[in-house]
């Protein structure tokens, strides 16, 4: 992938072809890389599709900066962010779902209490 990125010295039409090919290589190697042999075909295809925008971004910054350090730094930053962000988002989603379930149960209880504990009076 690196030779395709560094071969071009500017963002010409040919550079975008190189970015496109390198993006496909990036996405496919991430989808069929080590540890993915037990995944379904659909999950692998989804993995390729979700990696395409990242590959374009990394390729763009590689051609633009004419060094592999820029896309490498972006890739490292993304991986670090995922390690931090995914658990935080998971916890927040779990809390929100818990609160929603609590509110639903509270509404049901209040309805039941009014209906049956007050002798049907409203």
N, C-alpha and C. Protein backbone atom coordinates (compact mmCIF):
# COMPACT_ATOMS: atom_id res chain seq x y z
N UNK A 1 0.81 -1.19 0.00
CA UNK A 1 0.00 0.00 0.00
C UNK A 1 0.86 1.26 0.00
N UNK A 2 1.92 1.27 0.75
CA UNK A 2 2.78 2.45 0.86
C UNK A 2 3.33 2.92 -0.49
N UNK A 3 3.83 2.03 -1.34
CA UNK A 3 4.32 2.53 -2.63
C UNK A 3 3.25 3.21 -3.46
N UNK A 4 2.02 2.74 -3.37
CA UNK A 4 0.94 3.38 -4.12
C UNK A 4 0.68 4.79 -3.61
N UNK A 5 0.81 4.98 -2.32
CA UNK A 5 0.55 6.31 -1.75
C UNK A 5 1.71 7.25 -2.07
N UNK A 6 2.91 6.80 -1.84
CA UNK A 6 4.07 7.68 -1.99
C UNK A 6 4.50 7.88 -3.45
N UNK A 7 3.98 7.07 -4.36
CA UNK A 7 4.33 7.19 -5.77
C UNK A 7 3.85 8.52 -6.34
N UNK A 8 2.74 9.00 -5.86
CA UNK A 8 2.16 10.22 -6.39
C UNK A 8 2.61 11.42 -5.57
N UNK A 9 2.97 12.50 -6.28
CA UNK A 9 3.47 13.68 -5.57
C UNK A 9 2.42 14.77 -5.40
N UNK A 10 1.23 14.52 -5.82
CA UNK A 10 0.15 15.50 -5.64
C UNK A 10 -1.18 14.81 -5.80
N UNK A 11 -2.24 15.55 -5.56
CA UNK A 11 -3.57 14.97 -5.62
C UNK A 11 -4.15 15.09 -7.03
N UNK A 12 -3.49 14.46 -7.97
CA UNK A 12 -3.98 14.42 -9.35
C UNK A 12 -5.01 13.30 -9.49
N UNK A 13 -5.57 13.17 -10.68
CA UNK A 13 -6.51 12.09 -10.94
C UNK A 13 -5.84 10.74 -10.71
N UNK A 14 -4.59 10.62 -11.14
CA UNK A 14 -3.86 9.36 -10.94
C UNK A 14 -3.65 9.07 -9.46
N UNK A 15 -3.43 10.12 -8.68
CA UNK A 15 -3.26 9.92 -7.23
C UNK A 15 -4.52 9.34 -6.62
N UNK A 16 -5.67 9.79 -7.09
CA UNK A 16 -6.92 9.25 -6.55
C UNK A 16 -7.10 7.79 -6.93
N UNK A 17 -6.61 7.39 -8.11
CA UNK A 17 -6.63 5.95 -8.47
C UNK A 17 -5.77 5.17 -7.48
N UNK A 18 -4.60 5.70 -7.17
CA UNK A 18 -3.72 5.05 -6.21
C UNK A 18 -4.35 4.98 -4.83
N UNK A 19 -5.00 6.06 -4.43
CA UNK A 19 -5.69 6.07 -3.14
C UNK A 19 -6.81 5.03 -3.14
N UNK A 20 -7.52 4.94 -4.25
CA UNK A 20 -8.60 3.96 -4.36
C UNK A 20 -8.10 2.53 -4.23
N UNK A 21 -7.04 2.21 -4.97
CA UNK A 21 -6.48 0.85 -4.91
C UNK A 21 -5.93 0.58 -3.52
N UNK A 22 -5.20 1.52 -2.95
CA UNK A 22 -4.63 1.31 -1.62
C UNK A 22 -5.74 1.21 -0.56
N UNK A 23 -6.84 1.94 -0.76
CA UNK A 23 -7.97 1.86 0.15
C UNK A 23 -8.58 0.46 0.12
N UNK A 24 -8.76 -0.08 -1.07
CA UNK A 24 -9.30 -1.44 -1.17
C UNK A 24 -8.36 -2.45 -0.51
N UNK A 25 -7.07 -2.29 -0.73
CA UNK A 25 -6.10 -3.18 -0.07
C UNK A 25 -6.19 -3.05 1.45
N UNK A 26 -6.29 -1.83 1.93
CA UNK A 26 -6.40 -1.57 3.37
C UNK A 26 -7.65 -2.26 3.93
N UNK A 27 -8.78 -2.06 3.28
CA UNK A 27 -10.05 -2.61 3.78
C UNK A 27 -10.06 -4.13 3.74
N UNK A 28 -9.58 -4.69 2.64
CA UNK A 28 -9.61 -6.15 2.50
C UNK A 28 -8.64 -6.81 3.47
N UNK A 29 -7.44 -6.26 3.64
CA UNK A 29 -6.50 -6.87 4.57
C UNK A 29 -7.01 -6.78 6.00
N UNK A 30 -7.75 -5.72 6.33
CA UNK A 30 -8.32 -5.63 7.68
C UNK A 30 -9.49 -6.58 7.85
N UNK A 31 -10.22 -6.85 6.79
CA UNK A 31 -11.39 -7.75 6.89
C UNK A 31 -10.99 -9.22 6.88
N UNK A 32 -9.90 -9.55 6.20
CA UNK A 32 -9.51 -10.95 6.08
C UNK A 32 -8.19 -11.23 6.79
N UNK A 33 -7.80 -10.35 7.66
CA UNK A 33 -6.54 -10.50 8.37
C UNK A 33 -6.61 -11.55 9.47
N UNK A 34 -5.57 -11.58 10.22
CA UNK A 34 -5.42 -12.56 11.30
C UNK A 34 -6.55 -12.42 12.32
N UNK A 35 -7.09 -13.54 12.75
CA UNK A 35 -8.13 -13.55 13.75
C UNK A 35 -9.54 -13.35 13.21
N UNK A 36 -9.71 -13.28 11.91
CA UNK A 36 -11.03 -13.05 11.34
C UNK A 36 -11.56 -14.28 10.58
N UNK A 37 -10.87 -15.40 10.67
CA UNK A 37 -11.26 -16.58 9.89
C UNK A 37 -12.59 -17.16 10.34
N UNK A 38 -13.03 -16.88 11.56
CA UNK A 38 -14.29 -17.44 12.04
C UNK A 38 -15.48 -16.50 11.84
N UNK A 39 -15.29 -15.37 11.20
CA UNK A 39 -16.37 -14.42 10.99
C UNK A 39 -17.17 -14.78 9.75
N UNK A 40 -18.45 -14.43 9.77
CA UNK A 40 -19.31 -14.69 8.62
C UNK A 40 -18.93 -13.78 7.46
N UNK A 41 -19.40 -14.16 6.28
CA UNK A 41 -19.12 -13.37 5.07
C UNK A 41 -19.75 -11.99 5.20
N UNK A 42 -20.97 -11.92 5.73
CA UNK A 42 -21.64 -10.64 5.90
C UNK A 42 -20.87 -9.70 6.81
N UNK A 43 -20.35 -10.25 7.89
CA UNK A 43 -19.56 -9.42 8.82
C UNK A 43 -18.28 -8.94 8.16
N UNK A 44 -17.66 -9.79 7.36
CA UNK A 44 -16.44 -9.37 6.65
C UNK A 44 -16.74 -8.27 5.64
N UNK A 45 -17.85 -8.41 4.93
CA UNK A 45 -18.23 -7.38 3.95
C UNK A 45 -18.50 -6.06 4.68
N UNK A 46 -19.21 -6.12 5.81
CA UNK A 46 -19.45 -4.93 6.61
C UNK A 46 -18.13 -4.32 7.07
N UNK A 47 -17.19 -5.16 7.44
CA UNK A 47 -15.88 -4.68 7.88
C UNK A 47 -15.17 -3.94 6.75
N UNK A 48 -15.26 -4.49 5.53
CA UNK A 48 -14.64 -3.82 4.37
C UNK A 48 -15.30 -2.47 4.15
N UNK A 49 -16.63 -2.43 4.15
CA UNK A 49 -17.36 -1.18 3.87
C UNK A 49 -17.04 -0.11 4.91
N UNK A 50 -16.94 -0.51 6.17
CA UNK A 50 -16.66 0.49 7.21
C UNK A 50 -15.21 0.97 7.19
N UNK A 51 -14.32 0.22 6.56
CA UNK A 51 -12.92 0.63 6.49
C UNK A 51 -12.61 1.47 5.26
N UNK A 52 -13.50 1.51 4.30
CA UNK A 52 -13.25 2.28 3.08
C UNK A 52 -13.04 3.77 3.35
N UNK A 53 -13.91 4.45 4.12
CA UNK A 53 -13.67 5.88 4.37
C UNK A 53 -12.35 6.13 5.09
N UNK A 54 -12.00 5.23 6.00
CA UNK A 54 -10.74 5.40 6.73
C UNK A 54 -9.57 5.25 5.76
N UNK A 55 -9.66 4.28 4.87
CA UNK A 55 -8.59 4.07 3.89
C UNK A 55 -8.41 5.27 2.98
N UNK A 56 -9.52 5.88 2.57
CA UNK A 56 -9.44 7.08 1.73
C UNK A 56 -8.77 8.20 2.51
N UNK A 57 -9.16 8.38 3.77
CA UNK A 57 -8.57 9.44 4.58
C UNK A 57 -7.07 9.20 4.77
N UNK A 58 -6.69 7.98 5.10
CA UNK A 58 -5.27 7.68 5.30
C UNK A 58 -4.49 7.87 4.00
N UNK A 59 -5.07 7.43 2.89
CA UNK A 59 -4.40 7.61 1.60
C UNK A 59 -4.25 9.07 1.23
N UNK A 60 -5.30 9.85 1.46
CA UNK A 60 -5.26 11.28 1.16
C UNK A 60 -4.12 11.94 1.93
N UNK A 61 -4.06 11.69 3.25
CA UNK A 61 -3.01 12.32 4.05
C UNK A 61 -1.63 11.79 3.71
N UNK A 62 -1.55 10.55 3.24
CA UNK A 62 -0.26 10.01 2.81
C UNK A 62 0.25 10.72 1.56
N UNK A 63 -0.64 10.90 0.57
CA UNK A 63 -0.25 11.61 -0.66
C UNK A 63 0.01 13.08 -0.35
N UNK A 64 -0.84 13.66 0.42
CA UNK A 64 -0.72 15.09 0.73
C UNK A 64 0.59 15.41 1.46
N UNK A 65 0.97 14.56 2.42
CA UNK A 65 2.17 14.83 3.22
C UNK A 65 3.43 14.19 2.62
N UNK A 66 3.24 13.28 1.66
CA UNK A 66 4.37 12.56 1.04
C UNK A 66 5.21 11.81 2.08
N UNK A 67 4.55 11.32 3.11
CA UNK A 67 5.21 10.51 4.12
C UNK A 67 4.18 9.53 4.67
N UNK A 68 4.65 8.43 5.20
CA UNK A 68 3.74 7.47 5.81
C UNK A 68 3.44 7.81 7.27
N UNK A 69 4.15 8.80 7.82
CA UNK A 69 3.94 9.15 9.22
C UNK A 69 2.55 9.72 9.48
N UNK A 70 2.04 10.51 8.56
CA UNK A 70 0.71 11.11 8.76
C UNK A 70 -0.39 10.05 8.83
N UNK A 71 -0.50 9.16 7.84
CA UNK A 71 -1.55 8.14 7.95
C UNK A 71 -1.30 7.17 9.11
N UNK A 72 -0.05 6.90 9.40
CA UNK A 72 0.27 6.02 10.53
C UNK A 72 -0.18 6.67 11.84
N UNK A 73 0.08 7.95 12.01
CA UNK A 73 -0.34 8.65 13.22
C UNK A 73 -1.87 8.67 13.34
N UNK A 74 -2.56 8.88 12.22
CA UNK A 74 -4.03 8.86 12.24
C UNK A 74 -4.54 7.47 12.62
N UNK A 75 -3.91 6.44 12.07
CA UNK A 75 -4.32 5.06 12.37
C UNK A 75 -4.12 4.76 13.87
N UNK A 76 -3.00 5.16 14.40
CA UNK A 76 -2.71 4.95 15.83
C UNK A 76 -3.71 5.72 16.69
N UNK A 77 -3.99 6.96 16.30
CA UNK A 77 -4.95 7.78 17.06
C UNK A 77 -6.34 7.15 17.02
N UNK A 78 -6.74 6.64 15.87
CA UNK A 78 -8.04 5.98 15.75
C UNK A 78 -8.10 4.75 16.65
N UNK A 79 -7.08 3.91 16.60
CA UNK A 79 -7.06 2.71 17.43
C UNK A 79 -7.11 3.06 18.91
N UNK A 80 -6.38 4.09 19.31
CA UNK A 80 -6.38 4.52 20.71
C UNK A 80 -7.76 5.05 21.10
N UNK A 81 -8.37 5.82 20.21
CA UNK A 81 -9.69 6.37 20.50
C UNK A 81 -10.73 5.25 20.65
N UNK A 82 -10.64 4.25 19.80
CA UNK A 82 -11.58 3.13 19.88
C UNK A 82 -11.44 2.41 21.21
N UNK A 83 -10.22 2.24 21.67
CA UNK A 83 -9.99 1.56 22.94
C UNK A 83 -10.61 2.35 24.10
N UNK A 84 -10.61 3.67 24.00
CA UNK A 84 -11.15 4.51 25.07
C UNK A 84 -12.65 4.76 24.87
N UNK A 85 -13.06 5.07 23.65
CA UNK A 85 -14.43 5.51 23.39
C UNK A 85 -15.44 4.36 23.47
N UNK A 86 -15.13 3.21 22.91
CA UNK A 86 -16.10 2.11 22.87
C UNK A 86 -16.57 1.70 24.27
N UNK A 87 -15.65 1.50 25.23
CA UNK A 87 -16.16 1.16 26.57
C UNK A 87 -17.00 2.27 27.20
N UNK A 88 -16.63 3.51 27.00
CA UNK A 88 -17.40 4.62 27.57
C UNK A 88 -18.79 4.67 26.96
N UNK A 89 -18.88 4.55 25.64
CA UNK A 89 -20.18 4.56 24.97
C UNK A 89 -21.02 3.37 25.42
N UNK A 90 -20.41 2.21 25.58
CA UNK A 90 -21.12 1.02 26.03
C UNK A 90 -21.72 1.25 27.42
N UNK A 91 -20.93 1.82 28.32
CA UNK A 91 -21.43 2.10 29.67
C UNK A 91 -22.57 3.11 29.62
N UNK A 92 -22.41 4.17 28.84
CA UNK A 92 -23.47 5.19 28.74
C UNK A 92 -24.76 4.61 28.17
N UNK A 93 -24.65 3.79 27.15
CA UNK A 93 -25.84 3.17 26.55
C UNK A 93 -26.52 2.26 27.58
N UNK A 94 -25.73 1.49 28.32
CA UNK A 94 -26.29 0.61 29.35
C UNK A 94 -27.03 1.41 30.41
N UNK A 95 -26.46 2.54 30.83
CA UNK A 95 -27.12 3.39 31.83
C UNK A 95 -28.42 3.95 31.29
N UNK A 96 -28.40 4.45 30.06
CA UNK A 96 -29.62 5.03 29.46
C UNK A 96 -30.70 3.96 29.33
N UNK A 97 -30.35 2.78 28.87
CA UNK A 97 -31.34 1.70 28.74
C UNK A 97 -31.90 1.35 30.11
N UNK A 98 -31.04 1.28 31.13
CA UNK A 98 -31.50 1.01 32.48
C UNK A 98 -32.47 2.06 32.99
N UNK A 99 -32.16 3.32 32.73
CA UNK A 99 -33.05 4.40 33.15
C UNK A 99 -34.40 4.34 32.43
N UNK A 100 -34.37 4.04 31.16
CA UNK A 100 -35.62 3.93 30.39
C UNK A 100 -36.47 2.79 30.94
N UNK A 101 -35.83 1.64 31.19
CA UNK A 101 -36.57 0.50 31.76
C UNK A 101 -37.14 0.85 33.13
N UNK A 102 -36.36 1.55 33.94
CA UNK A 102 -36.85 1.96 35.27
C UNK A 102 -38.07 2.87 35.13
N UNK A 103 -38.00 3.84 34.22
CA UNK A 103 -39.12 4.77 34.04
C UNK A 103 -40.37 4.03 33.55
N UNK A 104 -40.20 3.09 32.67
CA UNK A 104 -41.35 2.31 32.18
C UNK A 104 -41.98 1.53 33.33
N UNK A 105 -41.14 0.87 34.13
CA UNK A 105 -41.66 0.12 35.27
C UNK A 105 -42.34 1.03 36.28
N UNK A 106 -41.80 2.20 36.50
CA UNK A 106 -42.40 3.16 37.43
C UNK A 106 -43.76 3.61 36.94
N UNK A 107 -43.89 3.88 35.66
CA UNK A 107 -45.18 4.28 35.08
C UNK A 107 -46.18 3.14 35.23
N UNK A 108 -45.76 1.92 34.96
CA UNK A 108 -46.65 0.77 35.12
C UNK A 108 -47.09 0.61 36.57
N UNK A 109 -46.17 0.78 37.49
CA UNK A 109 -46.48 0.64 38.91
C UNK A 109 -47.47 1.72 39.34
N UNK A 110 -47.22 2.96 38.94
CA UNK A 110 -48.12 4.05 39.31
C UNK A 110 -49.51 3.82 38.75
N UNK A 111 -49.61 3.31 37.55
CA UNK A 111 -50.90 3.00 36.94
C UNK A 111 -51.60 1.92 37.74
N UNK A 112 -50.86 0.84 38.08
CA UNK A 112 -51.41 -0.28 38.84
C UNK A 112 -51.86 0.20 40.22
N UNK A 113 -51.04 1.02 40.86
CA UNK A 113 -51.32 1.52 42.21
C UNK A 113 -52.60 2.35 42.20
N UNK A 114 -52.74 3.24 41.25
CA UNK A 114 -53.94 4.08 41.17
C UNK A 114 -55.18 3.25 40.90
N UNK A 115 -55.01 2.27 40.06
CA UNK A 115 -56.17 1.50 39.64
C UNK A 115 -56.65 0.53 40.71
N UNK A 116 -55.70 -0.15 41.34
CA UNK A 116 -56.10 -1.24 42.24
C UNK A 116 -55.99 -0.90 43.73
N UNK A 117 -55.08 -0.06 44.13
CA UNK A 117 -54.90 0.23 45.55
C UNK A 117 -55.83 1.33 46.03
N UNK A 118 -56.31 2.16 45.17
CA UNK A 118 -57.22 3.23 45.55
C UNK A 118 -58.68 2.82 45.37
N UNK A 119 -58.92 1.54 45.22
CA UNK A 119 -60.30 1.05 45.07
C UNK A 119 -60.92 1.47 43.78
N UNK A 120 -60.11 1.72 42.79
CA UNK A 120 -60.65 2.10 41.49
C UNK A 120 -61.00 3.56 41.39
N UNK A 121 -60.80 4.31 42.48
CA UNK A 121 -61.09 5.76 42.45
C UNK A 121 -59.98 6.50 41.74
N UNK A 122 -60.36 7.55 41.07
CA UNK A 122 -59.37 8.32 40.33
C UNK A 122 -59.31 9.73 40.82
